[in-house]
């Protein structure tokens, strides 16, 4: 059942986003070990301009609801919330992969220490949400005009610097989308509401966008590789930025259209619990892919990538339901009371699921 405090189209868009993110890792992780390219590589290639920008833009949509709260409560909701899950799952992932599977305790300690200053693996997204939360509040306190921030952030994104710090690299690549979600939220809400009332126009607009995006991504000069792709004309920085914003808005419109159908409730649920999937999908992904290749049961890059995608999305959901059923391990997906810094609200907040109501959620 849908939470009445959430906006279904937002969760639909987040559901599409988490599937695309897991699809990318599934396809490229499989391609790395098979040395081949499968059909999912081309699907995720199409989404290259907007796959992660859309996640960050949605994360900024409801920031205006909390941006002016007292610092302590703001930090609890927009910084500590994400850092808790980042630290928890970084310890779990590094402990399993390096400490147990690789049998390298020294390497495990090294990676744990580095994870403090360098976002670890796929968890970099959660790390950067905490960083963006602090950055945008500081900019707000300094009263920096929106247009200056947008121009500077857009310039950083197009410049695409490659500093030694992975955190700084990702900040430059994605802060503009988080900030645009914050600033353009009223416009995006109106656009989605308008297209929801005009489904034919929504479908026509999405088809036109998909055609343009696909032609520019797969224009002359593109190259598909087992672990990535080189886009065609879409790789030109200004055009890449424009396609990223257009794609992010298009997925919001698509979410609004899909929210009309009861048969898509599973996608809405997945979007509402997207962090459940995000923090936990890499472990079953690696295990299943390794077992299939070692056994020889499934070695075709395309079909194995699809199987890995399904296992990677479903496994965290199964784990979530098991945890909810037995009542043990809830700390994996729900922040306990001790992990709050907003004392007076800790007890109340600790009873909330990890994915908070949409008006305060990422």
Protein backbone atom coordinates (compact mmCIF):
# COMPACT_ATOMS: atom_id res chain seq x y z
CA UNK A 1 0.00 0.00 0.00
CA UNK A 2 1.28 3.45 -0.92
CA UNK A 3 2.29 5.77 1.89
CA UNK A 4 -0.15 8.74 1.74
CA UNK A 5 2.69 11.09 2.72
CA UNK A 6 4.64 10.22 -0.42
CA UNK A 7 4.23 11.33 -4.02
CA UNK A 8 3.84 8.19 -6.17
CA UNK A 9 5.47 9.66 -9.26
CA UNK A 10 8.63 10.48 -7.30
CA UNK A 11 8.92 6.88 -6.15
CA UNK A 12 8.21 5.65 -9.69
CA UNK A 13 11.08 7.79 -10.99
CA UNK A 14 13.35 6.55 -8.21
CA UNK A 15 12.36 2.99 -9.06
CA UNK A 16 13.41 3.52 -12.67
CA UNK A 17 16.64 5.10 -11.46
CA UNK A 18 17.65 2.28 -9.11
CA UNK A 19 17.00 -0.29 -11.84
CA UNK A 20 19.23 1.66 -14.24
CA UNK A 21 21.98 1.97 -11.64
CA UNK A 22 21.96 -1.73 -10.81
CA UNK A 23 21.75 -2.52 -14.53
CA UNK A 24 24.92 -0.55 -15.19
CA UNK A 25 26.89 -2.36 -12.51
CA UNK A 26 25.45 -5.72 -13.56
CA UNK A 27 26.34 -5.24 -17.23
CA UNK A 28 29.79 -3.76 -16.71
CA UNK A 29 30.72 -6.16 -13.89
CA UNK A 30 29.73 -9.09 -16.09
CA UNK A 31 31.47 -7.63 -19.12
CA UNK A 32 34.67 -7.20 -17.13
CA UNK A 33 34.83 -10.95 -16.45
CA UNK A 34 33.51 -12.26 -19.79
CA UNK A 35 35.29 -9.70 -21.94
CA UNK A 36 32.11 -9.33 -23.99
CA UNK A 37 29.28 -6.89 -24.64
CA UNK A 38 25.62 -7.86 -24.13
CA UNK A 39 22.29 -6.28 -24.98
CA UNK A 40 22.05 -4.61 -21.57
CA UNK A 41 25.21 -2.69 -22.41
CA UNK A 42 23.25 -0.89 -25.13
CA UNK A 43 20.28 -0.23 -22.85
CA UNK A 44 22.50 1.30 -20.19
CA UNK A 45 24.46 3.10 -22.90
CA UNK A 46 21.28 4.95 -23.82
CA UNK A 47 20.91 6.03 -20.17
CA UNK A 48 24.53 7.14 -19.78
CA UNK A 49 23.81 10.91 -19.86
CA UNK A 50 21.09 10.88 -17.18
CA UNK A 51 21.45 7.68 -15.11
CA UNK A 52 23.05 9.23 -12.01
CA UNK A 53 22.05 12.89 -12.60
CA UNK A 54 18.39 11.86 -12.25
CA UNK A 55 19.03 10.30 -8.85
CA UNK A 56 20.70 13.47 -7.59
CA UNK A 57 18.07 15.77 -9.08
CA UNK A 58 15.29 13.85 -7.32
CA UNK A 59 17.31 13.94 -4.10
CA UNK A 60 17.19 17.73 -4.23
CA UNK A 61 13.48 18.08 -5.00
CA UNK A 62 12.28 18.25 -1.39
CA UNK A 63 15.28 20.01 0.09
CA UNK A 64 13.35 23.28 0.35
CA UNK A 65 11.13 21.59 2.96
CA UNK A 66 14.05 21.16 5.38
CA UNK A 67 16.75 23.62 4.31
CA UNK A 68 15.81 26.26 6.90
CA UNK A 69 15.42 23.96 9.87
CA UNK A 70 17.78 24.40 12.84
CA UNK A 71 21.27 23.18 12.05
CA UNK A 72 21.13 20.25 14.44
CA UNK A 73 17.95 18.81 12.99
CA UNK A 74 19.01 19.54 9.42
CA UNK A 75 22.32 17.74 9.91
CA UNK A 76 20.52 14.79 11.49
CA UNK A 77 18.17 14.40 8.52
CA UNK A 78 20.38 15.36 5.58
CA UNK A 79 23.89 14.37 6.69
CA UNK A 80 23.99 11.90 9.59
CA UNK A 81 21.17 9.86 8.04
CA UNK A 82 23.29 9.07 4.98
CA UNK A 83 26.58 8.76 6.82
CA UNK A 84 25.09 6.09 9.07
CA UNK A 85 24.23 3.85 6.14
CA UNK A 86 27.46 4.68 4.35
CA UNK A 87 29.63 3.70 7.31
CA UNK A 88 27.56 0.60 8.13
CA UNK A 89 27.57 -0.83 4.62
CA UNK A 90 31.17 0.19 3.91
CA UNK A 91 32.23 -1.84 6.95
CA UNK A 92 30.09 -4.78 5.82
CA UNK A 93 31.29 -4.67 2.22
CA UNK A 94 34.98 -4.16 2.98
CA UNK A 95 34.88 -6.72 5.76
CA UNK A 96 33.36 -9.36 3.49
CA UNK A 97 35.27 -8.65 0.28
CA UNK A 98 38.71 -7.81 1.64
CA UNK A 99 38.77 -9.23 5.14
CA UNK A 100 37.00 -12.57 4.54
CA UNK A 101 36.86 -13.41 0.82
CA UNK A 102 40.37 -12.08 0.06
CA UNK A 103 41.81 -12.96 3.48
CA UNK A 104 43.67 -9.64 3.72
CA UNK A 105 43.15 -8.07 7.19
CA UNK A 106 45.78 -5.39 6.55
CA UNK A 107 44.14 -4.45 3.25
CA UNK A 108 40.78 -4.36 5.00
CA UNK A 109 42.01 -1.88 7.59
CA UNK A 110 43.59 0.23 4.87
CA UNK A 111 40.38 0.36 2.85
CA UNK A 112 38.33 1.17 5.95
CA UNK A 113 40.61 4.10 6.73
CA UNK A 114 40.54 5.34 3.14
CA UNK A 115 36.74 5.11 3.05
CA UNK A 116 36.61 8.07 5.43
CA UNK A 117 38.07 10.46 2.86
CA UNK A 118 37.47 8.58 -0.39
CA UNK A 119 33.93 7.31 -1.09
CA UNK A 120 33.98 3.51 -1.22
CA UNK A 121 32.69 1.63 -4.26
CA UNK A 122 29.03 1.98 -5.16
CA UNK A 123 28.39 3.67 -1.79
CA UNK A 124 29.90 6.88 -3.16
CA UNK A 125 26.36 8.10 -3.97
CA UNK A 126 25.28 8.03 -0.32
CA UNK A 127 28.56 9.64 0.76
CA UNK A 128 28.05 12.48 -1.71
CA UNK A 129 24.46 13.10 -0.60
CA UNK A 130 25.81 13.89 2.87
CA UNK A 131 28.49 16.17 1.36
CA UNK A 132 25.93 17.93 -0.84
CA UNK A 133 23.66 18.42 2.16
CA UNK A 134 26.38 20.32 3.98
CA UNK A 135 27.49 22.29 0.91
CA UNK A 136 24.03 23.51 0.02
CA UNK A 137 23.26 24.57 3.59
CA UNK A 138 26.50 26.56 3.78
CA UNK A 139 25.67 28.26 0.48
CA UNK A 140 22.24 29.04 1.86
CA UNK A 141 23.71 30.55 5.03
CA UNK A 142 26.08 32.68 2.92
CA UNK A 143 23.12 33.81 0.77
CA UNK A 144 24.88 33.01 -2.49
CA UNK A 145 22.43 33.73 -5.36
CA UNK A 146 21.08 30.67 -7.15
CA UNK A 147 22.30 31.80 -10.55
CA UNK A 148 25.90 32.05 -9.35
CA UNK A 149 25.81 28.57 -7.83
CA UNK A 150 24.21 27.07 -10.94
CA UNK A 151 26.71 28.69 -13.30
CA UNK A 152 29.68 27.63 -11.18
CA UNK A 153 28.35 24.10 -10.69
CA UNK A 154 27.58 23.75 -14.41
CA UNK A 155 31.06 24.96 -15.29
CA UNK A 156 32.55 22.37 -12.92
CA UNK A 157 30.43 19.61 -14.47
CA UNK A 158 31.50 20.50 -18.01
CA UNK A 159 35.14 20.93 -16.99
CA UNK A 160 35.06 17.44 -15.43
CA UNK A 161 38.33 17.74 -13.45
CA UNK A 162 40.15 14.56 -12.38
CA UNK A 163 41.77 15.46 -9.05
CA UNK A 164 43.40 12.91 -6.78
CA UNK A 165 40.32 13.08 -4.56
CA UNK A 166 37.44 10.90 -5.81
CA UNK A 167 35.08 12.90 -3.60
CA UNK A 168 36.04 16.16 -5.32
CA UNK A 169 35.71 14.51 -8.73
CA UNK A 170 32.18 13.34 -7.95
CA UNK A 171 31.28 16.69 -6.41
CA UNK A 172 32.23 18.42 -9.65
CA UNK A 173 30.33 15.86 -11.72
CA UNK A 174 27.01 15.84 -9.87
CA UNK A 175 26.47 18.82 -7.55
CA UNK A 176 24.80 20.83 -10.31
CA UNK A 177 22.01 18.26 -10.60
CA UNK A 178 21.36 18.16 -6.87
CA UNK A 179 21.20 21.95 -6.79
CA UNK A 180 18.96 22.11 -9.85
CA UNK A 181 16.56 19.71 -8.14
CA UNK A 182 16.45 22.10 -5.19
CA UNK A 183 15.93 25.24 -7.28
CA UNK A 184 13.69 23.88 -10.04
CA UNK A 185 11.46 21.75 -7.81
CA UNK A 186 8.32 23.95 -8.21
CA UNK A 187 8.71 23.93 -12.00
CA UNK A 188 9.25 20.16 -12.14
CA UNK A 189 6.24 19.52 -9.90
CA UNK A 190 4.05 21.65 -12.16
CA UNK A 191 5.38 19.96 -15.31
CA UNK A 192 4.71 16.45 -13.97
CA UNK A 193 1.23 17.46 -12.79
CA UNK A 194 0.49 18.98 -16.21
CA UNK A 195 1.64 15.89 -18.11
CA UNK A 196 -0.21 13.54 -15.75
CA UNK A 197 -3.44 15.18 -16.88
CA UNK A 198 -2.38 14.81 -20.54
CA UNK A 199 -1.03 11.27 -20.96
CA UNK A 200 -0.97 11.42 -24.77
CA UNK A 201 1.25 14.48 -24.69
CA UNK A 202 3.45 12.85 -22.02
CA UNK A 203 3.99 9.76 -24.18
CA UNK A 204 4.66 11.81 -27.31
CA UNK A 205 7.13 13.99 -25.45
CA UNK A 206 8.94 10.97 -23.96
CA UNK A 207 9.20 9.31 -27.37
CA UNK A 208 10.62 12.48 -28.92
CA UNK A 209 13.12 12.83 -26.07
CA UNK A 210 14.15 9.16 -26.31
CA UNK A 211 14.74 9.49 -30.06
CA UNK A 212 16.92 12.59 -29.70
CA UNK A 213 18.83 11.18 -26.73
CA UNK A 214 19.45 7.87 -28.49
CA UNK A 215 20.60 9.50 -31.74
CA UNK A 216 23.05 11.74 -29.91
CA UNK A 217 24.42 8.97 -27.70
CA UNK A 218 24.81 6.51 -30.57
CA UNK A 219 25.96 9.05 -33.14
CA UNK A 220 29.24 8.48 -35.03
CA UNK A 221 32.14 8.21 -32.62
CA UNK A 222 30.44 6.04 -30.01
CA UNK A 223 32.22 2.92 -28.86
CA UNK A 224 30.74 0.18 -26.69
CA UNK A 225 33.16 -1.62 -24.40
CA UNK A 226 32.77 -4.45 -21.85
CA UNK A 227 33.16 -2.05 -18.91
CA UNK A 228 31.87 1.22 -20.31
CA UNK A 229 31.11 3.22 -23.39
CA UNK A 230 32.23 6.28 -25.27
CA UNK A 231 29.27 8.35 -26.40
CA UNK A 232 29.07 10.06 -29.76
CA UNK A 233 28.00 13.71 -29.99
CA UNK A 234 26.47 13.42 -26.52
CA UNK A 235 29.99 13.38 -25.07
CA UNK A 236 30.45 17.09 -25.87
CA UNK A 237 30.34 18.66 -22.37
CA UNK A 238 27.61 21.30 -22.93
CA UNK A 239 25.43 18.79 -24.76
CA UNK A 240 26.13 16.12 -22.14
CA UNK A 241 24.94 18.51 -19.42
CA UNK A 242 21.80 19.40 -21.38
CA UNK A 243 20.99 15.74 -22.03
CA UNK A 244 21.53 14.92 -18.37
CA UNK A 245 19.01 17.54 -17.24
CA UNK A 246 16.55 16.62 -20.01
CA UNK A 247 16.84 12.93 -19.16
CA UNK A 248 16.36 13.55 -15.46
CA UNK A 249 13.20 15.57 -16.12
CA UNK A 250 12.02 12.94 -18.62
CA UNK A 251 12.25 10.22 -15.98
CA UNK A 252 10.18 12.39 -13.66
CA UNK A 253 7.53 12.71 -16.37
CA UNK A 254 7.76 8.95 -17.00
CA UNK A 255 7.23 8.40 -13.28
CA UNK A 256 4.13 10.57 -13.42
CA UNK A 257 2.76 8.60 -16.36
CA UNK A 258 3.48 5.18 -14.81
CA UNK A 259 1.88 6.21 -11.52
CA UNK A 260 -1.48 6.01 -13.33
CA UNK A 261 -1.26 2.20 -13.49
CA UNK A 262 -1.95 -0.07 -10.51
CA UNK A 263 0.12 -2.77 -12.21
CA UNK A 264 3.24 -0.64 -11.63
CA UNK A 265 2.85 -0.62 -7.84
CA UNK A 266 5.93 -2.85 -7.59
CA UNK A 267 8.02 -0.13 -9.22
CA UNK A 268 6.66 2.49 -6.83
CA UNK A 269 7.50 0.24 -3.87
CA UNK A 270 10.98 -0.32 -5.24
CA UNK A 271 11.52 3.42 -5.55
CA UNK A 272 10.26 4.02 -2.02
CA UNK A 273 12.83 1.50 -0.79
CA UNK A 274 15.56 2.35 -3.29
CA UNK A 275 18.22 2.72 -0.61
CA UNK A 276 17.49 -0.82 0.55
CA UNK A 277 18.53 -2.04 -2.89
CA UNK A 278 21.35 0.46 -3.32
CA UNK A 279 23.27 -0.41 -0.16
CA UNK A 280 22.97 -4.18 -0.49
CA UNK A 281 22.98 -5.17 -4.17
CA UNK A 282 26.74 -5.50 -4.81
CA UNK A 283 27.26 -8.51 -2.53
CA UNK A 284 24.70 -10.84 -4.20
CA UNK A 285 25.76 -9.46 -7.58
CA UNK A 286 29.38 -10.55 -7.12
CA UNK A 287 28.50 -13.91 -5.57
CA UNK A 288 25.95 -14.88 -8.23
CA UNK A 289 28.10 -13.76 -11.15
CA UNK A 290 31.08 -15.66 -9.77
CA UNK A 291 29.05 -18.84 -9.25
CA UNK A 292 27.58 -18.75 -12.76
CA UNK A 293 30.93 -18.25 -14.45
CA UNK A 294 32.70 -20.81 -12.29
CA UNK A 295 30.02 -23.44 -12.91
CA UNK A 296 29.70 -22.68 -16.61
CA UNK A 297 25.90 -22.72 -16.30
CA UNK A 298 25.50 -19.24 -17.74
CA UNK A 299 28.32 -17.54 -19.61
CA UNK A 300 26.64 -15.48 -22.35
CA UNK A 301 27.30 -11.84 -21.50
CA UNK A 302 23.80 -10.60 -22.29
CA UNK A 303 21.81 -13.29 -20.50
CA UNK A 304 24.21 -13.40 -17.56
CA UNK A 305 23.96 -9.61 -17.19
CA UNK A 306 20.17 -9.89 -17.12
CA UNK A 307 20.27 -12.69 -14.54
CA UNK A 308 22.73 -10.72 -12.42
CA UNK A 309 20.43 -7.67 -12.62
CA UNK A 310 17.42 -9.65 -11.41
CA UNK A 311 19.32 -11.31 -8.57
CA UNK A 312 20.91 -8.00 -7.54
CA UNK A 313 17.54 -6.22 -7.30
CA UNK A 314 15.53 -9.06 -5.75
CA UNK A 315 18.07 -10.24 -3.15
CA UNK A 316 18.09 -7.01 -1.07
CA UNK A 317 14.28 -6.93 -1.18
CA UNK A 318 14.14 -10.52 0.11
CA UNK A 319 16.62 -9.65 2.85
CA UNK A 320 14.53 -6.61 3.78
CA UNK A 321 11.37 -8.68 4.15
CA UNK A 322 13.21 -11.32 6.18
CA UNK A 323 14.54 -8.65 8.52
CA UNK A 324 11.10 -7.10 8.90
CA UNK A 325 9.56 -10.51 9.49
CA UNK A 326 11.95 -11.75 12.18
CA UNK A 327 12.54 -8.33 13.74
CA UNK A 328 16.31 -8.84 13.87
CA UNK A 329 18.77 -6.82 11.81
CA UNK A 330 16.53 -3.80 11.37
CA UNK A 331 19.62 -1.62 11.90
CA UNK A 332 20.66 -2.63 8.36
CA UNK A 333 17.82 -0.61 6.86
CA UNK A 334 16.52 1.60 9.66
CA UNK A 335 18.61 4.10 11.58
CA UNK A 336 18.50 3.28 15.31
CA UNK A 337 17.88 5.93 17.96
CA UNK A 338 21.52 6.10 19.02
CA UNK A 339 22.50 7.15 15.48
CA UNK A 340 20.61 10.44 15.75
CA UNK A 341 22.08 13.77 16.80
CA UNK A 342 18.72 15.52 17.00
CA UNK A 343 18.03 14.38 20.56
CA UNK A 344 14.44 15.54 21.09
CA UNK A 345 13.36 13.93 17.81
CA UNK A 346 15.50 10.79 17.94
CA UNK A 347 12.85 8.48 19.33
CA UNK A 348 10.28 9.66 16.84
CA UNK A 349 12.68 9.48 13.92
CA UNK A 350 14.01 6.07 14.85
CA UNK A 351 10.56 4.59 14.30
CA UNK A 352 10.54 5.75 10.70
CA UNK A 353 11.74 3.51 7.85
CA UNK A 354 14.99 4.30 6.11
CA UNK A 355 13.21 5.90 3.17
CA UNK A 356 11.44 8.79 4.85
CA UNK A 357 8.20 10.34 3.60
CA UNK A 358 8.82 11.95 0.27
CA UNK A 359 8.59 15.52 1.45
CA UNK A 360 11.72 14.94 3.49
CA UNK A 361 13.29 12.09 1.59
CA UNK A 362 16.26 12.09 -0.69
